[in-house]
């Protein structure tokens, strides 16, 4: 029998569980992928609308945590996203 890794808490509201959505970060107690919600935020959807679209399965606090983690990830890995020098 293959042993899987235990779920990893990424915050109060976010978990990465190998048994759920192939280990992609999701909101705790759901199968809602954090990346999907961040895409909705990036598209300019109001947080209230996002919450309604997910039928209240996530909260404003959970979205805020996802945005905060995304910010931290960007700052920690900014060199990986450089596409070229800036024009003066």
C-alpha atoms as a PDB file:
ATOM      1  CA  UNK A   1       0.000   0.000   0.000  1.00  0.00           C
ATOM      2  CA  UNK A   2       1.331   3.429  -0.988  1.00  0.00           C
ATOM      3  CA  UNK A   3       1.769   5.906   1.846  1.00  0.00           C
ATOM      4  CA  UNK A   4       0.597   9.457   1.161  1.00  0.00           C
ATOM      5  CA  UNK A   5       1.833  12.604   2.811  1.00  0.00           C
ATOM      6  CA  UNK A   6      -0.342  14.163   5.487  1.00  0.00           C
ATOM      7  CA  UNK A   7      -2.247  17.376   4.752  1.00  0.00           C
ATOM      8  CA  UNK A   8      -0.180  20.532   5.200  1.00  0.00           C
ATOM      9  CA  UNK A   9      -1.703  23.641   6.715  1.00  0.00           C
ATOM     10  CA  UNK A  10      -0.686  26.739   4.789  1.00  0.00           C
ATOM     11  CA  UNK A  11      -2.622  29.061   7.027  1.00  0.00           C
ATOM     12  CA  UNK A  12      -5.767  29.178   9.065  1.00  0.00           C
ATOM     13  CA  UNK A  13      -8.021  28.667   6.029  1.00  0.00           C
ATOM     14  CA  UNK A  14      -5.799  26.988   3.442  1.00  0.00           C
ATOM     15  CA  UNK A  15      -4.560  23.411   3.243  1.00  0.00           C
ATOM     16  CA  UNK A  16      -2.631  21.267   0.762  1.00  0.00           C
ATOM     17  CA  UNK A  17      -3.890  17.697   1.045  1.00  0.00           C
ATOM     18  CA  UNK A  18      -2.530  15.083  -1.385  1.00  0.00           C
ATOM     19  CA  UNK A  19      -5.932  13.340  -1.235  1.00  0.00           C
ATOM     20  CA  UNK A  20      -7.817  16.461  -2.379  1.00  0.00           C
ATOM     21  CA  UNK A  21      -7.355  18.134  -5.784  1.00  0.00           C
ATOM     22  CA  UNK A  22      -3.988  16.419  -6.300  1.00  0.00           C
ATOM     23  CA  UNK A  23      -2.464  18.318  -3.376  1.00  0.00           C
ATOM     24  CA  UNK A  24      -3.141  21.768  -4.823  1.00  0.00           C
ATOM     25  CA  UNK A  25      -3.922  24.359  -2.128  1.00  0.00           C
ATOM     26  CA  UNK A  26      -7.624  24.442  -1.279  1.00  0.00           C
ATOM     27  CA  UNK A  27      -9.725  26.179   1.306  1.00  0.00           C
ATOM     28  CA  UNK A  28     -10.102  23.965   4.369  1.00  0.00           C
ATOM     29  CA  UNK A  29     -13.169  21.746   4.307  1.00  0.00           C
ATOM     30  CA  UNK A  30     -13.769  22.346   0.594  1.00  0.00           C
ATOM     31  CA  UNK A  31     -12.499  21.333  -2.813  1.00  0.00           C
ATOM     32  CA  UNK A  32     -12.286  24.980  -3.846  1.00  0.00           C
ATOM     33  CA  UNK A  33      -8.810  25.606  -5.195  1.00  0.00           C
ATOM     34  CA  UNK A  34      -7.095  28.744  -3.975  1.00  0.00           C
ATOM     35  CA  UNK A  35      -5.796  29.408  -7.499  1.00  0.00           C
ATOM     36  CA  UNK A  36      -9.373  29.596  -8.823  1.00  0.00           C
ATOM     37  CA  UNK A  37     -10.348  32.199  -6.233  1.00  0.00           C
ATOM     38  CA  UNK A  38      -7.160  34.198  -6.837  1.00  0.00           C
ATOM     39  CA  UNK A  39      -8.011  34.231 -10.539  1.00  0.00           C
ATOM     40  CA  UNK A  40     -11.421  35.670  -9.685  1.00  0.00           C
ATOM     41  CA  UNK A  41      -9.754  38.342  -7.538  1.00  0.00           C
ATOM     42  CA  UNK A  42      -7.356  39.140 -10.404  1.00  0.00           C
ATOM     43  CA  UNK A  43     -10.327  39.415 -12.771  1.00  0.00           C
ATOM     44  CA  UNK A  44     -11.687  42.174 -10.536  1.00  0.00           C
ATOM     45  CA  UNK A  45     -14.649  40.345  -9.041  1.00  0.00           C
ATOM     46  CA  UNK A  46     -15.829  41.801  -5.761  1.00  0.00           C
ATOM     47  CA  UNK A  47     -15.056  39.529  -2.832  1.00  0.00           C
ATOM     48  CA  UNK A  48     -18.747  39.444  -1.936  1.00  0.00           C
ATOM     49  CA  UNK A  49     -19.507  38.149  -5.429  1.00  0.00           C
ATOM     50  CA  UNK A  50     -16.800  35.491  -5.132  1.00  0.00           C
ATOM     51  CA  UNK A  51     -18.269  34.341  -1.818  1.00  0.00           C
ATOM     52  CA  UNK A  52     -21.752  34.191  -3.378  1.00  0.00           C
ATOM     53  CA  UNK A  53     -20.484  32.240  -6.392  1.00  0.00           C
ATOM     54  CA  UNK A  54     -18.978  29.636  -4.045  1.00  0.00           C
ATOM     55  CA  UNK A  55     -22.276  29.566  -2.107  1.00  0.00           C
ATOM     56  CA  UNK A  56     -20.709  30.859   1.100  1.00  0.00           C
ATOM     57  CA  UNK A  57     -18.210  27.992   1.323  1.00  0.00           C
ATOM     58  CA  UNK A  58     -15.376  30.505   1.748  1.00  0.00           C
ATOM     59  CA  UNK A  59     -15.178  33.717   3.730  1.00  0.00           C
ATOM     60  CA  UNK A  60     -13.694  37.147   3.244  1.00  0.00           C
ATOM     61  CA  UNK A  61     -11.012  36.208   5.785  1.00  0.00           C
ATOM     62  CA  UNK A  62     -10.112  33.124   3.735  1.00  0.00           C
ATOM     63  CA  UNK A  63      -9.797  35.211   0.559  1.00  0.00           C
ATOM     64  CA  UNK A  64      -7.628  37.737   2.406  1.00  0.00           C
ATOM     65  CA  UNK A  65      -5.360  34.920   3.572  1.00  0.00           C
ATOM     66  CA  UNK A  66      -5.056  33.621  -0.004  1.00  0.00           C
ATOM     67  CA  UNK A  67      -4.112  37.086  -1.280  1.00  0.00           C
ATOM     68  CA  UNK A  68      -1.580  37.478   1.530  1.00  0.00           C
ATOM     69  CA  UNK A  69       0.014  34.096   0.770  1.00  0.00           C
ATOM     70  CA  UNK A  70       0.146  34.948  -2.938  1.00  0.00           C
ATOM     71  CA  UNK A  71       1.884  38.234  -2.105  1.00  0.00           C
ATOM     72  CA  UNK A  72       4.444  36.435   0.039  1.00  0.00           C
ATOM     73  CA  UNK A  73       5.047  33.822  -2.678  1.00  0.00           C
ATOM     74  CA  UNK A  74       5.593  36.543  -5.283  1.00  0.00           C
ATOM     75  CA  UNK A  75       8.054  38.410  -3.086  1.00  0.00           C
ATOM     76  CA  UNK A  76       9.921  35.186  -2.271  1.00  0.00           C
ATOM     77  CA  UNK A  77      10.153  34.154  -5.953  1.00  0.00           C
ATOM     78  CA  UNK A  78      10.196  37.434  -7.891  1.00  0.00           C
ATOM     79  CA  UNK A  79      13.437  36.537  -9.692  1.00  0.00           C
ATOM     80  CA  UNK A  80      11.662  33.582 -11.328  1.00  0.00           C
ATOM     81  CA  UNK A  81       9.151  35.917 -13.015  1.00  0.00           C
ATOM     82  CA  UNK A  82      11.526  38.448 -14.573  1.00  0.00           C
ATOM     83  CA  UNK A  83      10.912  38.544 -18.326  1.00  0.00           C
ATOM     84  CA  UNK A  84      13.572  41.090 -19.256  1.00  0.00           C
ATOM     85  CA  UNK A  85      15.142  44.411 -18.395  1.00  0.00           C
ATOM     86  CA  UNK A  86      12.988  47.500 -18.044  1.00  0.00           C
ATOM     87  CA  UNK A  87      13.208  50.264 -20.594  1.00  0.00           C
ATOM     88  CA  UNK A  88      14.603  53.510 -19.196  1.00  0.00           C
END
